Amino acid sequence: MIELRLEFDEVNRIIKALSERPFREVYELIGKIHLQSSNQLKKKELDK
């Protein structure tokens, strides 16, 4: 496993690029990105 540190807009560009691929090829990956980013954003809000 690796950890990437990306800006919010970079993640959005990755998701946009993935969305151009067939759904069955990318839905699990998009789901993982969404889950991990949501968890991080929630944690960041709680830390304020």
Protein backbone atom coordinates (compact mmCIF):
# COMPACT_ATOMS: atom_id res chain seq x y z
CA MET A 1 0.00 0.00 0.00
CA ILE A 2 1.15 3.55 -0.72
CA GLU A 3 -0.01 6.91 0.54
CA LEU A 4 -0.36 9.81 -1.87
CA ARG A 5 -0.63 13.43 -0.81
CA LEU A 6 -2.64 15.36 -3.38
CA GLU A 7 -4.40 18.70 -3.44
CA PHE A 8 -8.19 18.65 -3.52
CA ASP A 9 -8.31 19.82 -7.15
CA GLU A 10 -5.82 17.12 -8.18
CA VAL A 11 -8.06 14.42 -6.73
CA ASN A 12 -11.01 15.91 -8.58
CA ARG A 13 -9.06 15.82 -11.85
CA ILE A 14 -8.19 12.16 -11.27
CA ILE A 15 -11.83 11.31 -10.60
CA LYS A 16 -12.88 13.25 -13.71
CA ALA A 17 -10.37 11.32 -15.82
CA LEU A 18 -11.51 8.02 -14.35
CA SER A 19 -15.13 8.88 -15.04
CA GLU A 20 -14.36 8.80 -18.76
CA ARG A 21 -13.53 5.09 -18.50
CA PRO A 22 -16.19 2.36 -18.52
CA PHE A 23 -17.94 2.19 -15.14
CA ARG A 24 -17.13 -1.47 -14.54
CA GLU A 25 -13.39 -0.72 -14.87
CA VAL A 26 -13.23 2.12 -12.36
CA TYR A 27 -16.17 2.04 -9.94
CA GLU A 28 -14.23 0.25 -7.18
CA LEU A 29 -11.28 2.63 -7.49
CA ILE A 30 -13.53 5.71 -7.44
CA GLY A 31 -15.27 4.24 -4.40
CA LYS A 32 -11.95 3.81 -2.58
CA ILE A 33 -10.91 7.37 -3.38
CA HIS A 34 -14.26 8.67 -2.18
CA LEU A 35 -14.18 6.66 1.06
CA GLN A 36 -10.61 7.60 1.97
CA SER A 37 -11.03 11.26 1.10
CA SER A 38 -14.34 11.50 2.98
CA ASN A 39 -12.77 9.99 6.08
CA GLN A 40 -9.86 12.43 5.92
CA LEU A 41 -12.12 15.45 5.42
CA LYS A 42 -14.35 14.41 8.33
CA LYS A 43 -11.31 13.95 10.57
CA LYS A 44 -9.98 17.34 9.51
CA GLU A 45 -13.30 18.97 10.43
CA LEU A 46 -13.34 17.26 13.83
CA ASP A 47 -9.80 18.43 14.57
CA LYS A 48 -10.81 22.09 14.18
